[in-house]
Amino acid sequence: MKVEQMMNPAVKACSPADSLNRAAQVMWENVCGAVPIVDSESKPIGFLTDRDICMAAYTQGKPIHAMTVELAMSRKVVRCQLHDDLDSAMRLMAEKHVRRLPVVGPDGKLVGVLSLDDLAYEAAQPLRGGVNRQLRDQVVEVLLAVSKGRIRARSATTN
């Protein structure tokens, strides 16, 4: 199976110059907890989560309408290609400990997002009388790998 078969193509993005308030509005209106950040050519240059917005508001002590996305976004972009195999995209998610991958086309422009939510939903769908057990097992492995990365990072800061 290819990434393009599983990704969400109706992804909304923000620019680095947008306010954090605008990014929060995009997340609220599209029922998502993160948005890719793209440059003027629609190429991914960052990622922003709802947690990033909250932490920026807390650490900067400013209202979110007074701060730009650029201040809070992660500049580490782990992405996959539209025609990549789903297995390789899931391995990438596990290795890099990310829950979402911006998906780019051959020109490097954003065409969608592949998330653990998308994978979990597909893994739970009936497949000839049962669930897709192989995909379900792979999703569990990715989730465990992502969670282990977060747990290691958290314990490193508390020790």
N, C-alpha and C. Protein backbone atom coordinates (compact mmCIF):
# COMPACT_ATOMS: atom_id res chain seq x y z
N MET A 1 0.85 -1.17 0.00
CA MET A 1 0.00 0.00 0.00
C MET A 1 0.90 1.24 0.00
N LYS A 2 0.45 2.28 -0.68
CA LYS A 2 1.20 3.52 -0.81
C LYS A 2 0.67 4.59 0.16
N VAL A 3 1.53 5.52 0.52
CA VAL A 3 1.17 6.62 1.41
C VAL A 3 -0.05 7.38 0.88
N GLU A 4 -0.10 7.62 -0.42
CA GLU A 4 -1.18 8.39 -1.01
C GLU A 4 -2.55 7.76 -0.78
N GLN A 5 -2.60 6.45 -0.55
CA GLN A 5 -3.85 5.76 -0.31
C GLN A 5 -4.35 5.95 1.13
N MET A 6 -3.48 6.35 2.02
CA MET A 6 -3.82 6.43 3.44
C MET A 6 -3.80 7.85 4.00
N MET A 7 -3.09 8.75 3.36
CA MET A 7 -2.91 10.10 3.89
C MET A 7 -4.21 10.90 3.83
N ASN A 8 -4.21 11.99 4.57
CA ASN A 8 -5.31 12.95 4.51
C ASN A 8 -4.89 14.03 3.50
N PRO A 9 -5.57 14.09 2.34
CA PRO A 9 -5.19 15.09 1.34
C PRO A 9 -5.81 16.47 1.61
N ALA A 10 -6.73 16.55 2.53
CA ALA A 10 -7.43 17.81 2.82
C ALA A 10 -6.74 18.56 3.95
N VAL A 11 -5.43 18.59 3.92
CA VAL A 11 -4.65 19.19 5.00
C VAL A 11 -4.62 20.71 4.85
N LYS A 12 -4.69 21.38 5.98
CA LYS A 12 -4.55 22.83 6.04
C LYS A 12 -3.17 23.15 6.60
N ALA A 13 -2.58 24.21 6.13
CA ALA A 13 -1.24 24.60 6.57
C ALA A 13 -1.24 26.06 6.97
N CYS A 14 -0.17 26.45 7.62
CA CYS A 14 0.04 27.85 8.01
C CYS A 14 1.40 28.29 7.49
N SER A 15 1.62 29.60 7.52
CA SER A 15 2.92 30.16 7.16
C SER A 15 3.62 30.60 8.44
N PRO A 16 4.94 30.76 8.41
CA PRO A 16 5.67 31.19 9.61
C PRO A 16 5.21 32.56 10.12
N ALA A 17 4.68 33.39 9.22
CA ALA A 17 4.27 34.75 9.61
C ALA A 17 2.87 34.80 10.21
N ASP A 18 2.10 33.72 10.10
CA ASP A 18 0.77 33.69 10.71
C ASP A 18 0.88 33.82 12.22
N SER A 19 -0.15 34.36 12.84
CA SER A 19 -0.16 34.43 14.30
C SER A 19 -0.48 33.04 14.87
N LEU A 20 -0.06 32.83 16.10
CA LEU A 20 -0.41 31.56 16.76
C LEU A 20 -1.92 31.46 16.93
N ASN A 21 -2.59 32.59 17.04
CA ASN A 21 -4.04 32.60 17.12
C ASN A 21 -4.65 32.02 15.84
N ARG A 22 -4.11 32.43 14.69
CA ARG A 22 -4.59 31.90 13.40
C ARG A 22 -4.34 30.41 13.31
N ALA A 23 -3.18 29.95 13.75
CA ALA A 23 -2.88 28.52 13.71
C ALA A 23 -3.85 27.74 14.61
N ALA A 24 -4.14 28.28 15.79
CA ALA A 24 -5.10 27.63 16.68
C ALA A 24 -6.48 27.57 16.03
N GLN A 25 -6.84 28.63 15.33
CA GLN A 25 -8.14 28.65 14.64
C GLN A 25 -8.18 27.57 13.55
N VAL A 26 -7.11 27.42 12.80
CA VAL A 26 -7.04 26.39 11.76
C VAL A 26 -7.20 25.01 12.38
N MET A 27 -6.52 24.78 13.50
CA MET A 27 -6.63 23.48 14.19
C MET A 27 -8.05 23.25 14.67
N TRP A 28 -8.66 24.27 15.26
CA TRP A 28 -10.03 24.14 15.79
C TRP A 28 -11.02 23.84 14.67
N GLU A 29 -10.94 24.60 13.59
CA GLU A 29 -11.89 24.45 12.49
C GLU A 29 -11.72 23.15 11.72
N ASN A 30 -10.54 22.56 11.79
CA ASN A 30 -10.27 21.34 11.04
C ASN A 30 -10.10 20.12 11.94
N VAL A 31 -10.44 20.27 13.21
CA VAL A 31 -10.41 19.18 14.18
C VAL A 31 -9.08 18.41 14.11
N CYS A 32 -8.01 19.15 14.29
CA CYS A 32 -6.69 18.52 14.28
C CYS A 32 -5.83 19.18 15.35
N GLY A 33 -4.79 18.50 15.77
CA GLY A 33 -3.93 19.02 16.82
C GLY A 33 -2.60 19.53 16.33
N ALA A 34 -2.45 19.61 15.00
CA ALA A 34 -1.18 20.06 14.46
C ALA A 34 -1.38 20.51 13.01
N VAL A 35 -0.48 21.40 12.58
CA VAL A 35 -0.50 21.85 11.19
C VAL A 35 0.93 21.94 10.66
N PRO A 36 1.10 21.57 9.41
CA PRO A 36 2.41 21.79 8.79
C PRO A 36 2.58 23.28 8.50
N ILE A 37 3.82 23.71 8.54
CA ILE A 37 4.14 25.09 8.23
C ILE A 37 4.86 25.07 6.88
N VAL A 38 4.38 25.88 5.95
CA VAL A 38 4.93 25.87 4.60
C VAL A 38 5.48 27.24 4.22
N ASP A 39 6.42 27.21 3.29
CA ASP A 39 6.97 28.47 2.77
C ASP A 39 6.07 29.00 1.65
N SER A 40 6.52 30.03 0.98
CA SER A 40 5.70 30.66 -0.07
C SER A 40 5.47 29.75 -1.27
N GLU A 41 6.24 28.68 -1.38
CA GLU A 41 6.08 27.72 -2.48
C GLU A 41 5.32 26.47 -2.04
N SER A 42 4.72 26.51 -0.85
CA SER A 42 3.97 25.37 -0.27
C SER A 42 4.84 24.17 0.06
N LYS A 43 6.11 24.42 0.34
CA LYS A 43 7.02 23.36 0.76
C LYS A 43 7.12 23.36 2.28
N PRO A 44 7.01 22.18 2.92
CA PRO A 44 7.06 22.12 4.38
C PRO A 44 8.41 22.58 4.94
N ILE A 45 8.33 23.49 5.92
CA ILE A 45 9.55 23.99 6.57
C ILE A 45 9.47 23.86 8.09
N GLY A 46 8.34 23.36 8.58
CA GLY A 46 8.16 23.21 10.02
C GLY A 46 6.85 22.51 10.33
N PHE A 47 6.61 22.33 11.61
CA PHE A 47 5.39 21.71 12.08
C PHE A 47 5.02 22.37 13.40
N LEU A 48 3.73 22.55 13.64
CA LEU A 48 3.26 23.21 14.85
C LEU A 48 2.14 22.39 15.46
N THR A 49 2.25 22.12 16.76
CA THR A 49 1.20 21.39 17.47
C THR A 49 0.46 22.33 18.42
N ASP A 50 -0.69 21.87 18.87
CA ASP A 50 -1.44 22.66 19.85
C ASP A 50 -0.62 22.82 21.13
N ARG A 51 0.16 21.83 21.46
CA ARG A 51 1.03 21.93 22.64
C ARG A 51 2.09 23.01 22.45
N ASP A 52 2.64 23.12 21.24
CA ASP A 52 3.61 24.17 20.95
C ASP A 52 3.01 25.55 21.21
N ILE A 53 1.76 25.71 20.80
CA ILE A 53 1.08 27.00 21.01
C ILE A 53 0.94 27.29 22.51
N CYS A 54 0.48 26.29 23.25
CA CYS A 54 0.31 26.46 24.70
C CYS A 54 1.63 26.78 25.40
N MET A 55 2.67 26.07 25.03
CA MET A 55 3.96 26.29 25.68
C MET A 55 4.54 27.66 25.31
N ALA A 56 4.32 28.12 24.08
CA ALA A 56 4.79 29.45 23.69
C ALA A 56 4.06 30.52 24.51
N ALA A 57 2.75 30.35 24.66
CA ALA A 57 1.98 31.32 25.46
C ALA A 57 2.48 31.33 26.90
N TYR A 58 2.74 30.17 27.44
CA TYR A 58 3.22 30.06 28.82
C TYR A 58 4.62 30.65 28.98
N THR A 59 5.54 30.24 28.12
CA THR A 59 6.94 30.67 28.31
C THR A 59 7.19 32.12 27.91
N GLN A 60 6.42 32.63 26.96
CA GLN A 60 6.63 34.01 26.50
C GLN A 60 5.78 35.02 27.27
N GLY A 61 4.70 34.53 27.92
CA GLY A 61 3.84 35.41 28.68
C GLY A 61 3.10 36.43 27.83
N LYS A 62 2.85 36.06 26.58
CA LYS A 62 2.15 36.96 25.66
C LYS A 62 0.89 36.27 25.14
N PRO A 63 -0.09 37.05 24.72
CA PRO A 63 -1.27 36.43 24.09
C PRO A 63 -0.89 35.84 22.74
N ILE A 64 -1.59 34.79 22.35
CA ILE A 64 -1.19 34.09 21.12
C ILE A 64 -1.40 34.94 19.86
N HIS A 65 -2.26 35.93 19.91
CA HIS A 65 -2.42 36.79 18.73
C HIS A 65 -1.21 37.71 18.53
N ALA A 66 -0.37 37.83 19.55
CA ALA A 66 0.80 38.70 19.48
C ALA A 66 2.08 37.95 19.12
N MET A 67 1.97 36.64 18.86
CA MET A 67 3.16 35.84 18.53
C MET A 67 2.95 35.16 17.18
N THR A 68 4.05 34.97 16.47
CA THR A 68 3.97 34.31 15.16
C THR A 68 4.25 32.82 15.29
N VAL A 69 3.80 32.11 14.30
CA VAL A 69 4.03 30.67 14.21
C VAL A 69 5.52 30.37 14.25
N GLU A 70 6.32 31.21 13.59
CA GLU A 70 7.76 31.00 13.52
C GLU A 70 8.41 30.88 14.90
N LEU A 71 7.86 31.57 15.88
CA LEU A 71 8.39 31.53 17.24
C LEU A 71 8.24 30.15 17.88
N ALA A 72 7.15 29.45 17.58
CA ALA A 72 6.83 28.21 18.29
C ALA A 72 6.98 26.94 17.47
N MET A 73 7.09 27.05 16.17
CA MET A 73 7.11 25.85 15.32
C MET A 73 8.38 25.05 15.48
N SER A 74 8.25 23.76 15.24
CA SER A 74 9.42 22.89 15.18
C SER A 74 9.99 23.02 13.78
N ARG A 75 11.28 23.20 13.71
CA ARG A 75 11.92 23.33 12.40
C ARG A 75 12.42 22.00 11.87
N LYS A 76 12.32 20.99 12.69
CA LYS A 76 12.72 19.64 12.28
C LYS A 76 11.53 19.02 11.54
N VAL A 77 11.66 18.91 10.24
CA VAL A 77 10.56 18.37 9.44
C VAL A 77 10.95 16.98 8.94
N VAL A 78 10.21 16.00 9.40
CA VAL A 78 10.37 14.64 8.91
C VAL A 78 9.21 14.42 7.95
N ARG A 79 9.52 14.16 6.69
CA ARG A 79 8.47 14.05 5.69
C ARG A 79 8.62 12.76 4.90
N CYS A 80 7.57 12.44 4.17
CA CYS A 80 7.63 11.30 3.27
C CYS A 80 7.09 11.73 1.91
N GLN A 81 7.29 10.88 0.93
CA GLN A 81 6.87 11.16 -0.43
C GLN A 81 5.50 10.51 -0.70
N LEU A 82 4.79 11.11 -1.60
CA LEU A 82 3.45 10.67 -1.99
C LEU A 82 3.43 9.19 -2.38
N HIS A 83 4.43 8.75 -3.11
CA HIS A 83 4.43 7.38 -3.63
C HIS A 83 5.27 6.40 -2.79
N ASP A 84 5.68 6.81 -1.59
CA ASP A 84 6.42 5.91 -0.69
C ASP A 84 5.52 4.76 -0.27
N ASP A 85 6.12 3.63 0.02
CA ASP A 85 5.38 2.50 0.59
C ASP A 85 4.97 2.87 2.01
N LEU A 86 3.79 2.43 2.39
CA LEU A 86 3.28 2.70 3.73
C LEU A 86 4.22 2.12 4.79
N ASP A 87 4.77 0.95 4.53
CA ASP A 87 5.70 0.32 5.47
C ASP A 87 6.89 1.23 5.75
N SER A 88 7.47 1.82 4.70
CA SER A 88 8.64 2.68 4.92
C SER A 88 8.25 3.95 5.66
N ALA A 89 7.07 4.48 5.39
CA ALA A 89 6.60 5.68 6.12
C ALA A 89 6.40 5.36 7.60
N MET A 90 5.85 4.19 7.90
CA MET A 90 5.65 3.81 9.30
C MET A 90 6.98 3.57 10.00
N ARG A 91 7.95 3.00 9.29
CA ARG A 91 9.29 2.83 9.88
C ARG A 91 9.90 4.19 10.19
N LEU A 92 9.72 5.13 9.29
CA LEU A 92 10.24 6.48 9.49
C LEU A 92 9.60 7.13 10.72
N MET A 93 8.29 6.98 10.86
CA MET A 93 7.59 7.52 12.03
C MET A 93 8.18 6.91 13.31
N ALA A 94 8.38 5.60 13.30
CA ALA A 94 8.92 4.92 14.48
C ALA A 94 10.35 5.38 14.78
N GLU A 95 11.20 5.45 13.76
CA GLU A 95 12.61 5.84 13.95
C GLU A 95 12.75 7.27 14.44
N LYS A 96 11.93 8.15 13.91
CA LYS A 96 12.04 9.57 14.24
C LYS A 96 11.11 9.99 15.38
N HIS A 97 10.31 9.05 15.88
CA HIS A 97 9.40 9.29 17.01
C HIS A 97 8.42 10.43 16.71
N VAL A 98 7.78 10.35 15.54
CA VAL A 98 6.80 11.36 15.16
C VAL A 98 5.45 10.70 14.89
N ARG A 99 4.40 11.42 15.23
CA ARG A 99 3.03 10.93 15.05
C ARG A 99 2.43 11.33 13.72
N ARG A 100 3.06 12.30 13.06
CA ARG A 100 2.52 12.82 11.80
C ARG A 100 3.67 13.07 10.82
N LEU A 101 3.39 12.79 9.56
CA LEU A 101 4.36 13.06 8.50
C LEU A 101 3.73 13.93 7.43
N PRO A 102 4.29 15.10 7.17
CA PRO A 102 3.86 15.82 5.98
C PRO A 102 4.20 14.97 4.76
N VAL A 103 3.31 14.96 3.80
CA VAL A 103 3.52 14.19 2.57
C VAL A 103 3.75 15.19 1.44
N VAL A 104 4.83 15.00 0.70
CA VAL A 104 5.15 15.91 -0.40
C VAL A 104 5.09 15.18 -1.73
N GLY A 105 4.76 15.94 -2.76
CA GLY A 105 4.75 15.42 -4.12
C GLY A 105 6.14 15.48 -4.71
N PRO A 106 6.28 15.10 -5.97
CA PRO A 106 7.59 15.11 -6.64
C PRO A 106 8.26 16.48 -6.66
N ASP A 107 7.46 17.55 -6.60
CA ASP A 107 8.00 18.90 -6.60
C ASP A 107 8.35 19.42 -5.21
N GLY A 108 8.15 18.58 -4.19
CA GLY A 108 8.47 18.97 -2.81
C GLY A 108 7.37 19.75 -2.12
N LYS A 109 6.24 19.96 -2.80
CA LYS A 109 5.14 20.71 -2.22
C LYS A 109 4.24 19.80 -1.38
N LEU A 110 3.67 20.38 -0.33
CA LEU A 110 2.79 19.65 0.57
C LEU A 110 1.53 19.18 -0.17
N VAL A 111 1.23 17.89 -0.07
CA VAL A 111 0.02 17.35 -0.69
C VAL A 111 -0.88 16.63 0.32
N GLY A 112 -0.39 16.47 1.55
CA GLY A 112 -1.19 15.79 2.56
C GLY A 112 -0.40 15.56 3.83
N VAL A 113 -1.05 14.88 4.78
CA VAL A 113 -0.40 14.48 6.04
C VAL A 113 -0.81 13.05 6.33
N LEU A 114 0.16 12.26 6.74
CA LEU A 114 -0.09 10.89 7.19
C LEU A 114 0.09 10.89 8.69
N SER A 115 -0.95 10.47 9.42
CA SER A 115 -0.88 10.48 10.88
C SER A 115 -1.14 9.09 11.45
N LEU A 116 -0.73 8.92 12.69
CA LEU A 116 -1.04 7.67 13.38
C LEU A 116 -2.54 7.47 13.47
N ASP A 117 -3.29 8.56 13.59
CA ASP A 117 -4.76 8.45 13.60
C ASP A 117 -5.27 7.81 12.32
N ASP A 118 -4.74 8.26 11.17
CA ASP A 118 -5.14 7.68 9.88
C ASP A 118 -4.84 6.19 9.84
N LEU A 119 -3.66 5.83 10.31
CA LEU A 119 -3.24 4.43 10.29
C LEU A 119 -4.10 3.58 11.22
N ALA A 120 -4.36 4.09 12.42
CA ALA A 120 -5.18 3.35 13.39
C ALA A 120 -6.59 3.16 12.87
N TYR A 121 -7.15 4.20 12.26
CA TYR A 121 -8.50 4.10 11.71
C TYR A 121 -8.56 3.01 10.63
N GLU A 122 -7.60 3.03 9.73
CA GLU A 122 -7.57 2.04 8.64
C GLU A 122 -7.36 0.63 9.19
N ALA A 123 -6.52 0.50 10.20
CA ALA A 123 -6.23 -0.82 10.78
C ALA A 123 -7.47 -1.42 11.44
N ALA A 124 -8.40 -0.59 11.86
CA ALA A 124 -9.61 -1.07 12.54
C ALA A 124 -10.75 -1.38 11.57
N GLN A 125 -10.56 -1.08 10.29
CA GLN A 125 -11.63 -1.31 9.31
C GLN A 125 -11.74 -2.79 8.98
N PRO A 126 -12.97 -3.26 8.77
CA PRO A 126 -13.17 -4.68 8.42
C PRO A 126 -12.46 -5.03 7.11
N LEU A 127 -11.87 -6.21 7.09
CA LEU A 127 -11.19 -6.71 5.91
C LEU A 127 -11.58 -8.18 5.77
N ARG A 128 -12.52 -8.45 4.88
CA ARG A 128 -13.00 -9.83 4.65
C ARG A 128 -13.36 -10.54 5.95
N GLY A 129 -14.20 -9.88 6.73
CA GLY A 129 -14.70 -10.52 7.94
C GLY A 129 -13.88 -10.28 9.19
N GLY A 130 -12.76 -9.59 9.09
CA GLY A 130 -11.93 -9.30 10.26
C GLY A 130 -11.18 -8.01 10.06
N VAL A 131 -10.44 -7.62 11.05
CA VAL A 131 -9.64 -6.40 10.90
C VAL A 131 -8.33 -6.75 10.21
N ASN A 132 -7.68 -5.76 9.68
CA ASN A 132 -6.39 -5.94 9.05
C ASN A 132 -5.36 -6.11 10.17
N ARG A 133 -5.15 -7.34 10.57
CA ARG A 133 -4.28 -7.62 11.73
C ARG A 133 -2.82 -7.21 11.49
N GLN A 134 -2.34 -7.41 10.28
CA GLN A 134 -0.95 -7.02 10.00
C GLN A 134 -0.77 -5.52 10.17
N LEU A 135 -1.68 -4.73 9.59
CA LEU A 135 -1.59 -3.27 9.73
C LEU A 135 -1.78 -2.87 11.18
N ARG A 136 -2.72 -3.51 11.86
CA ARG A 136 -2.95 -3.19 13.28
C ARG A 136 -1.68 -3.43 14.08
N ASP A 137 -1.01 -4.54 13.85
CA ASP A 137 0.22 -4.85 14.58
C ASP A 137 1.31 -3.83 14.26
N GLN A 138 1.40 -3.40 12.99
CA GLN A 138 2.39 -2.40 12.62
C GLN A 138 2.10 -1.06 13.29
N VAL A 139 0.83 -0.68 13.35
CA VAL A 139 0.45 0.58 13.98
C VAL A 139 0.81 0.55 15.46
N VAL A 140 0.57 -0.57 16.11
CA VAL A 140 0.92 -0.71 17.53
C VAL A 140 2.43 -0.55 17.70
N GLU A 141 3.22 -1.16 16.81
CA GLU A 141 4.68 -1.04 16.89
C GLU A 141 5.13 0.42 16.73
N VAL A 142 4.53 1.12 15.78
CA VAL A 142 4.88 2.53 15.57
C VAL A 142 4.52 3.36 16.80
N LEU A 143 3.32 3.15 17.31
CA LEU A 143 2.88 3.89 18.50
C LEU A 143 3.81 3.64 19.68
N LEU A 144 4.19 2.39 19.88
CA LEU A 144 5.13 2.07 20.97
C LEU A 144 6.47 2.75 20.76
N ALA A 145 6.98 2.75 19.54
CA ALA A 145 8.27 3.39 19.26
C ALA A 145 8.19 4.89 19.49
N VAL A 146 7.12 5.52 19.03
CA VAL A 146 6.95 6.96 19.22
C VAL A 146 6.85 7.27 20.71
N SER A 147 6.07 6.47 21.42
CA SER A 147 5.89 6.69 22.86
C SER A 147 7.19 6.48 23.62
N LYS A 148 7.97 5.46 23.25
CA LYS A 148 9.25 5.23 23.92
C LYS A 148 10.18 6.41 23.73
N GLY A 149 10.19 6.99 22.55
CA GLY A 149 11.02 8.17 22.30
C GLY A 149 10.61 9.32 23.19
N ARG A 150 9.32 9.52 23.37
CA ARG A 150 8.83 10.61 24.21
C ARG A 150 9.13 10.33 25.68
N ILE A 151 9.00 9.08 26.08
CA ILE A 151 9.26 8.71 27.47
C ILE A 151 10.75 8.89 27.78
N ARG A 152 11.63 8.48 26.83
CA ARG A 152 13.08 8.67 27.03
C ARG A 152 13.41 10.15 27.13
N ALA A 153 12.82 10.95 26.26
CA ALA A 153 13.10 12.40 26.29
C ALA A 153 12.62 13.01 27.60
N ARG A 154 11.45 12.58 28.06
CA ARG A 154 10.90 13.11 29.30
C ARG A 154 11.76 12.70 30.49
N SER A 155 12.21 11.43 30.53
CA SER A 155 12.99 10.98 31.68
C SER A 155 14.38 11.61 31.67
N ALA A 156 14.89 11.96 30.50
CA ALA A 156 16.21 12.61 30.42
C ALA A 156 16.16 14.00 31.03
N THR A 157 15.01 14.67 30.93
CA THR A 157 14.89 16.02 31.49
C THR A 157 14.59 16.01 32.98
N THR A 158 14.13 14.87 33.50
CA THR A 158 13.79 14.81 34.92
C THR A 158 14.92 14.17 35.75
N ASN A 159 15.90 13.62 35.09
CA ASN A 159 17.02 13.00 35.83
C ASN A 159 18.15 13.96 36.06
